[in-house]
Amino acid sequence: MEWTVVVSVLAALSGMALGWMGRTRSIRQDAAQDAGTVATLQNNVEYIRRGVDDIKVDMRVQNQRMDSIAERLTREEESTKQAHKRIDELRDLIKL
């Protein structure tokens, strides 16, 4: 009967040891998986950041183009206004 007690105690201790090793292994695997997930997320965020920076640069270029077009349009409107005044003056001269 002593042997059965010794075997039972050894079986219980080995079961606890195996359970502990399995738990430790699982924790290590979870940590490695979490580290991989964090690295992937960081890469994705960096990719998005570069995309946003590219969009900002494109927006600056577009704003400069729009400013240039607005300035040219203003000059053209002034020129057209002056041309209409001259045409009106010529029309008045022809009527006389």
PDB file of N, CA and C in Angstrom:
ATOM      1  N   MET A   1       0.804  -1.173   0.000  1.00  0.00           N
ATOM      2  CA  MET A   1       0.000   0.000   0.000  1.00  0.00           C
ATOM      3  C   MET A   1       0.862   1.258   0.000  1.00  0.00           C
ATOM      4  N   GLU A   2       2.029   1.194   0.550  1.00  0.00           N
ATOM      5  CA  GLU A   2       2.924   2.345   0.515  1.00  0.00           C
ATOM      6  C   GLU A   2       3.305   2.716  -0.915  1.00  0.00           C
ATOM      7  N   TRP A   3       3.454   1.710  -1.726  1.00  0.00           N
ATOM      8  CA  TRP A   3       3.802   1.982  -3.117  1.00  0.00           C
ATOM      9  C   TRP A   3       2.699   2.754  -3.835  1.00  0.00           C
ATOM     10  N   THR A   4       1.504   2.444  -3.575  1.00  0.00           N
ATOM     11  CA  THR A   4       0.403   3.151  -4.232  1.00  0.00           C
ATOM     12  C   THR A   4       0.360   4.610  -3.795  1.00  0.00           C
ATOM     13  N   VAL A   5       0.671   4.872  -2.553  1.00  0.00           N
ATOM     14  CA  VAL A   5       0.702   6.249  -2.060  1.00  0.00           C
ATOM     15  C   VAL A   5       1.855   6.992  -2.725  1.00  0.00           C
ATOM     16  N   VAL A   6       3.005   6.366  -2.790  1.00  0.00           N
ATOM     17  CA  VAL A   6       4.174   7.002  -3.402  1.00  0.00           C
ATOM     18  C   VAL A   6       3.914   7.263  -4.886  1.00  0.00           C
ATOM     19  N   VAL A   7       3.347   6.273  -5.562  1.00  0.00           N
ATOM     20  CA  VAL A   7       3.045   6.432  -6.993  1.00  0.00           C
ATOM     21  C   VAL A   7       2.002   7.528  -7.180  1.00  0.00           C
ATOM     22  N   SER A   8       1.008   7.565  -6.319  1.00  0.00           N
ATOM     23  CA  SER A   8      -0.030   8.597  -6.417  1.00  0.00           C
ATOM     24  C   SER A   8       0.555   9.988  -6.205  1.00  0.00           C
ATOM     25  N   VAL A   9       1.417  10.134  -5.221  1.00  0.00           N
ATOM     26  CA  VAL A   9       2.044  11.431  -4.959  1.00  0.00           C
ATOM     27  C   VAL A   9       2.931  11.823  -6.129  1.00  0.00           C
ATOM     28  N   LEU A  10       3.716  10.890  -6.651  1.00  0.00           N
ATOM     29  CA  LEU A  10       4.574  11.181  -7.808  1.00  0.00           C
ATOM     30  C   LEU A  10       3.731  11.559  -9.031  1.00  0.00           C
ATOM     31  N   ALA A  11       2.621  10.868  -9.231  1.00  0.00           N
ATOM     32  CA  ALA A  11       1.741  11.182 -10.363  1.00  0.00           C
ATOM     33  C   ALA A  11       1.154  12.589 -10.199  1.00  0.00           C
ATOM     34  N   ALA A  12       0.747  12.935  -8.997  1.00  0.00           N
ATOM     35  CA  ALA A  12       0.191  14.267  -8.749  1.00  0.00           C
ATOM     36  C   ALA A  12       1.253  15.339  -8.965  1.00  0.00           C
ATOM     37  N   LEU A  13       2.457  15.091  -8.451  1.00  0.00           N
ATOM     38  CA  LEU A  13       3.542  16.072  -8.620  1.00  0.00           C
ATOM     39  C   LEU A  13       3.932  16.216 -10.089  1.00  0.00           C
ATOM     40  N   SER A  14       4.019  15.106 -10.816  1.00  0.00           N
ATOM     41  CA  SER A  14       4.382  15.200 -12.234  1.00  0.00           C
ATOM     42  C   SER A  14       3.264  15.895 -13.013  1.00  0.00           C
ATOM     43  N   GLY A  15       2.011  15.667 -12.646  1.00  0.00           N
ATOM     44  CA  GLY A  15       0.888  16.357 -13.293  1.00  0.00           C
ATOM     45  C   GLY A  15       0.968  17.858 -13.071  1.00  0.00           C
ATOM     46  N   MET A  16       1.301  18.261 -11.828  1.00  0.00           N
ATOM     47  CA  MET A  16       1.440  19.700 -11.548  1.00  0.00           C
ATOM     48  C   MET A  16       2.614  20.291 -12.321  1.00  0.00           C
ATOM     49  N   ALA A  17       3.720  19.551 -12.379  1.00  0.00           N
ATOM     50  CA  ALA A  17       4.896  20.049 -13.103  1.00  0.00           C
ATOM     51  C   ALA A  17       4.588  20.188 -14.584  1.00  0.00           C
ATOM     52  N   LEU A  18       3.946  19.185 -15.177  1.00  0.00           N
ATOM     53  CA  LEU A  18       3.589  19.257 -16.602  1.00  0.00           C
ATOM     54  C   LEU A  18       2.604  20.408 -16.858  1.00  0.00           C
ATOM     55  N   GLY A  19       1.650  20.576 -15.965  1.00  0.00           N
ATOM     56  CA  GLY A  19       0.692  21.689 -16.101  1.00  0.00           C
ATOM     57  C   GLY A  19       1.394  23.033 -16.034  1.00  0.00           C
ATOM     58  N   TRP A  20       2.322  23.162 -15.115  1.00  0.00           N
ATOM     59  CA  TRP A  20       3.073  24.411 -14.967  1.00  0.00           C
ATOM     60  C   TRP A  20       3.917  24.694 -16.210  1.00  0.00           C
ATOM     61  N   MET A  21       4.575  23.660 -16.742  1.00  0.00           N
ATOM     62  CA  MET A  21       5.388  23.842 -17.946  1.00  0.00           C
ATOM     63  C   MET A  21       4.509  24.222 -19.140  1.00  0.00           C
ATOM     64  N   GLY A  22       3.344  23.603 -19.236  1.00  0.00           N
ATOM     65  CA  GLY A  22       2.416  23.938 -20.323  1.00  0.00           C
ATOM     66  C   GLY A  22       1.923  25.370 -20.220  1.00  0.00           C
ATOM     67  N   ARG A  23       1.630  25.788 -19.009  1.00  0.00           N
ATOM     68  CA  ARG A  23       1.176  27.168 -18.792  1.00  0.00           C
ATOM     69  C   ARG A  23       2.278  28.156 -19.153  1.00  0.00           C
ATOM     70  N   THR A  24       3.511  27.856 -18.725  1.00  0.00           N
ATOM     71  CA  THR A  24       4.642  28.731 -19.029  1.00  0.00           C
ATOM     72  C   THR A  24       4.863  28.820 -20.535  1.00  0.00           C
ATOM     73  N   ARG A  25       4.758  27.690 -21.204  1.00  0.00           N
ATOM     74  CA  ARG A  25       4.928  27.665 -22.663  1.00  0.00           C
ATOM     75  C   ARG A  25       3.835  28.495 -23.339  1.00  0.00           C
ATOM     76  N   SER A  26       2.632  28.352 -22.871  1.00  0.00           N
ATOM     77  CA  SER A  26       1.508  29.107 -23.433  1.00  0.00           C
ATOM     78  C   SER A  26       1.708  30.610 -23.238  1.00  0.00           C
ATOM     79  N   ILE A  27       2.204  31.001 -22.069  1.00  0.00           N
ATOM     80  CA  ILE A  27       2.452  32.423 -21.807  1.00  0.00           C
ATOM     81  C   ILE A  27       3.516  32.949 -22.753  1.00  0.00           C
ATOM     82  N   ARG A  28       4.586  32.174 -22.968  1.00  0.00           N
ATOM     83  CA  ARG A  28       5.651  32.603 -23.882  1.00  0.00           C
ATOM     84  C   ARG A  28       5.128  32.731 -25.306  1.00  0.00           C
ATOM     85  N   GLN A  29       4.316  31.786 -25.745  1.00  0.00           N
ATOM     86  CA  GLN A  29       3.753  31.848 -27.097  1.00  0.00           C
ATOM     87  C   GLN A  29       2.833  33.053 -27.255  1.00  0.00           C
ATOM     88  N   ASP A  30       2.027  33.316 -26.230  1.00  0.00           N
ATOM     89  CA  ASP A  30       1.136  34.486 -26.285  1.00  0.00           C
ATOM     90  C   ASP A  30       1.941  35.774 -26.358  1.00  0.00           C
ATOM     91  N   ALA A  31       3.021  35.846 -25.595  1.00  0.00           N
ATOM     92  CA  ALA A  31       3.862  37.046 -25.614  1.00  0.00           C
ATOM     93  C   ALA A  31       4.497  37.230 -26.982  1.00  0.00           C
ATOM     94  N   ALA A  32       4.967  36.146 -27.589  1.00  0.00           N
ATOM     95  CA  ALA A  32       5.576  36.235 -28.923  1.00  0.00           C
ATOM     96  C   ALA A  32       4.535  36.652 -29.954  1.00  0.00           C
ATOM     97  N   GLN A  33       3.341  36.106 -29.840  1.00  0.00           N
ATOM     98  CA  GLN A  33       2.277  36.469 -30.767  1.00  0.00           C
ATOM     99  C   GLN A  33       1.887  37.936 -30.595  1.00  0.00           C
ATOM    100  N   ASP A  34       1.791  38.391 -29.357  1.00  0.00           N
ATOM    101  CA  ASP A  34       1.467  39.797 -29.087  1.00  0.00           C
ATOM    102  C   ASP A  34       2.550  40.716 -29.645  1.00  0.00           C
ATOM    103  N   ALA A  35       3.809  40.312 -29.505  1.00  0.00           N
ATOM    104  CA  ALA A  35       4.904  41.130 -30.032  1.00  0.00           C
ATOM    105  C   ALA A  35       4.803  41.225 -31.550  1.00  0.00           C
ATOM    106  N   GLY A  36       4.458  40.124 -32.202  1.00  0.00           N
ATOM    107  CA  GLY A  36       4.281  40.143 -33.658  1.00  0.00           C
ATOM    108  C   GLY A  36       3.132  41.033 -34.067  1.00  0.00           C
ATOM    109  N   THR A  37       2.043  40.972 -33.321  1.00  0.00           N
ATOM    110  CA  THR A  37       0.877  41.811 -33.619  1.00  0.00           C
ATOM    111  C   THR A  37       1.217  43.286 -33.446  1.00  0.00           C
ATOM    112  N   VAL A  38       1.923  43.611 -32.380  1.00  0.00           N
ATOM    113  CA  VAL A  38       2.319  45.002 -32.133  1.00  0.00           C
ATOM    114  C   VAL A  38       3.240  45.490 -33.244  1.00  0.00           C
ATOM    115  N   ALA A  39       4.171  44.660 -33.673  1.00  0.00           N
ATOM    116  CA  ALA A  39       5.082  45.056 -34.755  1.00  0.00           C
ATOM    117  C   ALA A  39       4.305  45.298 -36.049  1.00  0.00           C
ATOM    118  N   THR A  40       3.338  44.441 -36.339  1.00  0.00           N
ATOM    119  CA  THR A  40       2.516  44.617 -37.540  1.00  0.00           C
ATOM    120  C   THR A  40       1.719  45.914 -37.462  1.00  0.00           C
ATOM    121  N   LEU A  41       1.139  46.180 -36.304  1.00  0.00           N
ATOM    122  CA  LEU A  41       0.371  47.418 -36.133  1.00  0.00           C
ATOM    123  C   LEU A  41       1.262  48.652 -36.288  1.00  0.00           C
ATOM    124  N   GLN A  42       2.459  48.583 -35.744  1.00  0.00           N
ATOM    125  CA  GLN A  42       3.383  49.716 -35.876  1.00  0.00           C
ATOM    126  C   GLN A  42       3.753  49.947 -37.334  1.00  0.00           C
ATOM    127  N   ASN A  43       3.978  48.858 -38.072  1.00  0.00           N
ATOM    128  CA  ASN A  43       4.278  49.000 -39.500  1.00  0.00           C
ATOM    129  C   ASN A  43       3.108  49.613 -40.249  1.00  0.00           C
ATOM    130  N   ASN A  44       1.891  49.169 -39.913  1.00  0.00           N
ATOM    131  CA  ASN A  44       0.708  49.715 -40.574  1.00  0.00           C
ATOM    132  C   ASN A  44       0.536  51.194 -40.267  1.00  0.00           C
ATOM    133  N   VAL A  45       0.759  51.578 -39.020  1.00  0.00           N
ATOM    134  CA  VAL A  45       0.638  52.991 -38.634  1.00  0.00           C
ATOM    135  C   VAL A  45       1.696  53.823 -39.368  1.00  0.00           C
ATOM    136  N   GLU A  46       2.904  53.307 -39.471  1.00  0.00           N
ATOM    137  CA  GLU A  46       3.966  54.027 -40.186  1.00  0.00           C
ATOM    138  C   GLU A  46       3.606  54.185 -41.663  1.00  0.00           C
ATOM    139  N   TYR A  47       3.035  53.146 -42.263  1.00  0.00           N
ATOM    140  CA  TYR A  47       2.605  53.215 -43.660  1.00  0.00           C
ATOM    141  C   TYR A  47       1.523  54.278 -43.833  1.00  0.00           C
ATOM    142  N   ILE A  48       0.577  54.299 -42.925  1.00  0.00           N
ATOM    143  CA  ILE A  48      -0.490  55.304 -42.985  1.00  0.00           C
ATOM    144  C   ILE A  48       0.093  56.698 -42.794  1.00  0.00           C
ATOM    145  N   ARG A  49       1.044  56.844 -41.876  1.00  0.00           N
ATOM    146  CA  ARG A  49       1.670  58.142 -41.626  1.00  0.00           C
ATOM    147  C   ARG A  49       2.368  58.655 -42.888  1.00  0.00           C
ATOM    148  N   ARG A  50       3.087  57.765 -43.580  1.00  0.00           N
ATOM    149  CA  ARG A  50       3.755  58.180 -44.820  1.00  0.00           C
ATOM    150  C   ARG A  50       2.734  58.589 -45.871  1.00  0.00           C
ATOM    151  N   GLY A  51       1.620  57.850 -45.936  1.00  0.00           N
ATOM    152  CA  GLY A  51       0.561  58.200 -46.889  1.00  0.00           C
ATOM    153  C   GLY A  51      -0.030  59.566 -46.590  1.00  0.00           C
ATOM    154  N   VAL A  52      -0.260  59.850 -45.318  1.00  0.00           N
ATOM    155  CA  VAL A  52      -0.805  61.155 -44.924  1.00  0.00           C
ATOM    156  C   VAL A  52       0.194  62.268 -45.264  1.00  0.00           C
ATOM    157  N   ASP A  53       1.480  62.007 -45.026  1.00  0.00           N
ATOM    158  CA  ASP A  53       2.497  63.005 -45.373  1.00  0.00           C
ATOM    159  C   ASP A  53       2.504  63.270 -46.873  1.00  0.00           C
ATOM    160  N   ASP A  54       2.370  62.224 -47.677  1.00  0.00           N
ATOM    161  CA  ASP A  54       2.312  62.398 -49.135  1.00  0.00           C
ATOM    162  C   ASP A  54       1.092  63.225 -49.531  1.00  0.00           C
ATOM    163  N   ILE A  55      -0.031  62.953 -48.884  1.00  0.00           N
ATOM    164  CA  ILE A  55      -1.257  63.703 -49.189  1.00  0.00           C
ATOM    165  C   ILE A  55      -1.078  65.170 -48.810  1.00  0.00           C
ATOM    166  N   LYS A  56      -0.416  65.440 -47.686  1.00  0.00           N
ATOM    167  CA  LYS A  56      -0.175  66.830 -47.280  1.00  0.00           C
ATOM    168  C   LYS A  56       0.674  67.560 -48.317  1.00  0.00           C
ATOM    169  N   VAL A  57       1.702  66.888 -48.810  1.00  0.00           N
ATOM    170  CA  VAL A  57       2.556  67.510 -49.827  1.00  0.00           C
ATOM    171  C   VAL A  57       1.741  67.799 -51.082  1.00  0.00           C
ATOM    172  N   ASP A  58       0.923  66.823 -51.499  1.00  0.00           N
ATOM    173  CA  ASP A  58       0.078  67.027 -52.677  1.00  0.00           C
ATOM    174  C   ASP A  58      -0.893  68.184 -52.470  1.00  0.00           C
ATOM    175  N   MET A  59      -1.438  68.293 -51.264  1.00  0.00           N
ATOM    176  CA  MET A  59      -2.369  69.384 -50.979  1.00  0.00           C
ATOM    177  C   MET A  59      -1.670  70.741 -51.047  1.00  0.00           C
ATOM    178  N   ARG A  60      -0.432  70.814 -50.550  1.00  0.00           N
ATOM    179  CA  ARG A  60       0.309  72.075 -50.641  1.00  0.00           C
ATOM    180  C   ARG A  60       0.522  72.478 -52.092  1.00  0.00           C
ATOM    181  N   VAL A  61       0.897  71.501 -52.927  1.00  0.00           N
ATOM    182  CA  VAL A  61       1.115  71.778 -54.349  1.00  0.00           C
ATOM    183  C   VAL A  61      -0.189  72.246 -54.980  1.00  0.00           C
ATOM    184  N   GLN A  62      -1.294  71.578 -54.667  1.00  0.00           N
ATOM    185  CA  GLN A  62      -2.583  71.977 -55.222  1.00  0.00           C
ATOM    186  C   GLN A  62      -2.979  73.381 -54.756  1.00  0.00           C
ATOM    187  N   ASN A  63      -2.719  73.694 -53.497  1.00  0.00           N
ATOM    188  CA  ASN A  63      -3.029  75.039 -52.986  1.00  0.00           C
ATOM    189  C   ASN A  63      -2.210  76.093 -53.705  1.00  0.00           C
ATOM    190  N   GLN A  64      -0.940  75.797 -53.973  1.00  0.00           N
ATOM    191  CA  GLN A  64      -0.109  76.746 -54.714  1.00  0.00           C
ATOM    192  C   GLN A  64      -0.650  76.946 -56.124  1.00  0.00           C
ATOM    193  N   ARG A  65      -1.074  75.857 -56.756  1.00  0.00           N
ATOM    194  CA  ARG A  65      -1.653  75.966 -58.106  1.00  0.00           C
ATOM    195  C   ARG A  65      -2.927  76.797 -58.082  1.00  0.00           C
ATOM    196  N   MET A  66      -3.764  76.549 -57.081  1.00  0.00           N
ATOM    197  CA  MET A  66      -5.019  77.298 -56.992  1.00  0.00           C
ATOM    198  C   MET A  66      -4.754  78.784 -56.754  1.00  0.00           C
ATOM    199  N   ASP A  67      -3.778  79.096 -55.908  1.00  0.00           N
ATOM    200  CA  ASP A  67      -3.419  80.495 -55.681  1.00  0.00           C
ATOM    201  C   ASP A  67      -2.943  81.145 -56.965  1.00  0.00           C
ATOM    202  N   SER A  68      -2.121  80.422 -57.723  1.00  0.00           N
ATOM    203  CA  SER A  68      -1.612  80.938 -58.992  1.00  0.00           C
ATOM    204  C   SER A  68      -2.752  81.169 -59.982  1.00  0.00           C
ATOM    205  N   ILE A  69      -3.668  80.220 -60.057  1.00  0.00           N
ATOM    206  CA  ILE A  69      -4.811  80.354 -60.967  1.00  0.00           C
ATOM    207  C   ILE A  69      -5.698  81.517 -60.534  1.00  0.00           C
ATOM    208  N   ALA A  70      -5.923  81.668 -59.246  1.00  0.00           N
ATOM    209  CA  ALA A  70      -6.759  82.764 -58.754  1.00  0.00           C
ATOM    210  C   ALA A  70      -6.121  84.113 -59.087  1.00  0.00           C
ATOM    211  N   GLU A  71      -4.806  84.196 -58.937  1.00  0.00           N
ATOM    212  CA  GLU A  71      -4.108  85.441 -59.270  1.00  0.00           C
ATOM    213  C   GLU A  71      -4.212  85.736 -60.761  1.00  0.00           C
ATOM    214  N   ARG A  72      -4.011  84.720 -61.582  1.00  0.00           N
ATOM    215  CA  ARG A  72      -4.109  84.922 -63.040  1.00  0.00           C
ATOM    216  C   ARG A  72      -5.532  85.298 -63.438  1.00  0.00           C
ATOM    217  N   LEU A  73      -6.518  84.692 -62.810  1.00  0.00           N
ATOM    218  CA  LEU A  73      -7.915  85.001 -63.126  1.00  0.00           C
ATOM    219  C   LEU A  73      -8.237  86.451 -62.780  1.00  0.00           C
ATOM    220  N   THR A  74      -7.732  86.917 -61.644  1.00  0.00           N
ATOM    221  CA  THR A  74      -7.964  88.309 -61.239  1.00  0.00           C
ATOM    222  C   THR A  74      -7.373  89.262 -62.273  1.00  0.00           C
ATOM    223  N   ARG A  75      -6.134  88.961 -62.721  1.00  0.00           N
ATOM    224  CA  ARG A  75      -5.519  89.818 -63.748  1.00  0.00           C
ATOM    225  C   ARG A  75      -6.300  89.782 -65.057  1.00  0.00           C
ATOM    226  N   GLU A  76      -6.790  88.619 -65.431  1.00  0.00           N
ATOM    227  CA  GLU A  76      -7.574  88.506 -66.656  1.00  0.00           C
ATOM    228  C   GLU A  76      -8.887  89.275 -66.540  1.00  0.00           C
ATOM    229  N   GLU A  77      -9.515  89.215 -65.382  1.00  0.00           N
ATOM    230  CA  GLU A  77     -10.759  89.965 -65.191  1.00  0.00           C
ATOM    231  C   GLU A  77     -10.506  91.460 -65.305  1.00  0.00           C
ATOM    232  N   GLU A  78      -9.401  91.941 -64.727  1.00  0.00           N
ATOM    233  CA  GLU A  78      -9.060  93.357 -64.831  1.00  0.00           C
ATOM    234  C   GLU A  78      -8.786  93.737 -66.282  1.00  0.00           C
ATOM    235  N   SER A  79      -8.061  92.904 -66.988  1.00  0.00           N
ATOM    236  CA  SER A  79      -7.750  93.171 -68.389  1.00  0.00           C
ATOM    237  C   SER A  79      -9.030  93.201 -69.232  1.00  0.00           C
ATOM    238  N   THR A  80      -9.930  92.274 -68.972  1.00  0.00           N
ATOM    239  CA  THR A  80     -11.201  92.220 -69.705  1.00  0.00           C
ATOM    240  C   THR A  80     -12.034  93.466 -69.419  1.00  0.00           C
ATOM    241  N   LYS A  81     -12.021  93.892 -68.181  1.00  0.00           N
ATOM    242  CA  LYS A  81     -12.773  95.100 -67.810  1.00  0.00           C
ATOM    243  C   LYS A  81     -12.230  96.316 -68.554  1.00  0.00           C
ATOM    244  N   GLN A  82     -10.897  96.417 -68.614  1.00  0.00           N
ATOM    245  CA  GLN A  82     -10.287  97.536 -69.344  1.00  0.00           C
ATOM    246  C   GLN A  82     -10.595  97.444 -70.839  1.00  0.00           C
ATOM    247  N   ALA A  83     -10.578  96.239 -71.388  1.00  0.00           N
ATOM    248  CA  ALA A  83     -10.886  96.067 -72.814  1.00  0.00           C
ATOM    249  C   ALA A  83     -12.322  96.483 -73.090  1.00  0.00           C
ATOM    250  N   HIS A  84     -13.246  96.145 -72.211  1.00  0.00           N
ATOM    251  CA  HIS A  84     -14.644  96.546 -72.402  1.00  0.00           C
ATOM    252  C   HIS A  84     -14.788  98.060 -72.343  1.00  0.00           C
ATOM    253  N   LYS A  85     -14.029  98.702 -71.461  1.00  0.00           N
ATOM    254  CA  LYS A  85     -14.087 100.168 -71.396  1.00  0.00           C
ATOM    255  C   LYS A  85     -13.599 100.764 -72.708  1.00  0.00           C
ATOM    256  N   ARG A  86     -12.498 100.227 -73.241  1.00  0.00           N
ATOM    257  CA  ARG A  86     -11.974 100.745 -74.506  1.00  0.00           C
ATOM    258  C   ARG A  86     -12.950 100.493 -75.644  1.00  0.00           C
ATOM    259  N   ILE A  87     -13.585  99.334 -75.655  1.00  0.00           N
ATOM    260  CA  ILE A  87     -14.578  99.035 -76.693  1.00  0.00           C
ATOM    261  C   ILE A  87     -15.750 100.000 -76.585  1.00  0.00           C
ATOM    262  N   ASP A  88     -16.199 100.272 -75.353  1.00  0.00           N
ATOM    263  CA  ASP A  88     -17.298 101.227 -75.162  1.00  0.00           C
ATOM    264  C   ASP A  88     -16.899 102.613 -75.650  1.00  0.00           C
ATOM    265  N   GLU A  89     -15.639 103.009 -75.377  1.00  0.00           N
ATOM    266  CA  GLU A  89     -15.160 104.313 -75.835  1.00  0.00           C
ATOM    267  C   GLU A  89     -15.140 104.371 -77.362  1.00  0.00           C
ATOM    268  N   LEU A  90     -14.674 103.301 -77.997  1.00  0.00           N
ATOM    269  CA  LEU A  90     -14.670 103.261 -79.476  1.00  0.00           C
ATOM    270  C   LEU A  90     -16.081 103.292 -80.020  1.00  0.00           C
ATOM    271  N   ARG A  91     -16.983 102.596 -79.377  1.00  0.00           N
ATOM    272  CA  ARG A  91     -18.370 102.584 -79.827  1.00  0.00           C
ATOM    273  C   ARG A  91     -18.961 103.996 -79.745  1.00  0.00           C
ATOM    274  N   ASP A  92     -18.619 104.703 -78.623  1.00  0.00           N
ATOM    275  CA  ASP A  92     -19.114 106.066 -78.463  1.00  0.00           C
ATOM    276  C   ASP A  92     -18.528 106.975 -79.539  1.00  0.00           C
ATOM    277  N   LEU A  93     -17.247 106.775 -79.879  1.00  0.00           N
ATOM    278  CA  LEU A  93     -16.624 107.581 -80.924  1.00  0.00           C
ATOM    279  C   LEU A  93     -17.241 107.318 -82.289  1.00  0.00           C
ATOM    280  N   ILE A  94     -17.586 106.084 -82.567  1.00  0.00           N
ATOM    281  CA  ILE A  94     -18.189 105.727 -83.867  1.00  0.00           C
ATOM    282  C   ILE A  94     -19.584 106.318 -83.991  1.00  0.00           C
ATOM    283  N   LYS A  95     -20.317 106.407 -82.906  1.00  0.00           N
ATOM    284  CA  LYS A  95     -21.665 106.941 -82.919  1.00  0.00           C
ATOM    285  C   LYS A  95     -21.659 108.438 -83.216  1.00  0.00           C
ATOM    286  N   LEU A  96     -20.601 109.135 -82.897  1.00  0.00           N
ATOM    287  CA  LEU A  96     -20.562 110.579 -83.108  1.00  0.00           C
ATOM    288  C   LEU A  96     -20.466 110.875 -84.526  1.00  0.00           C
TER     289      LEU A  96
END
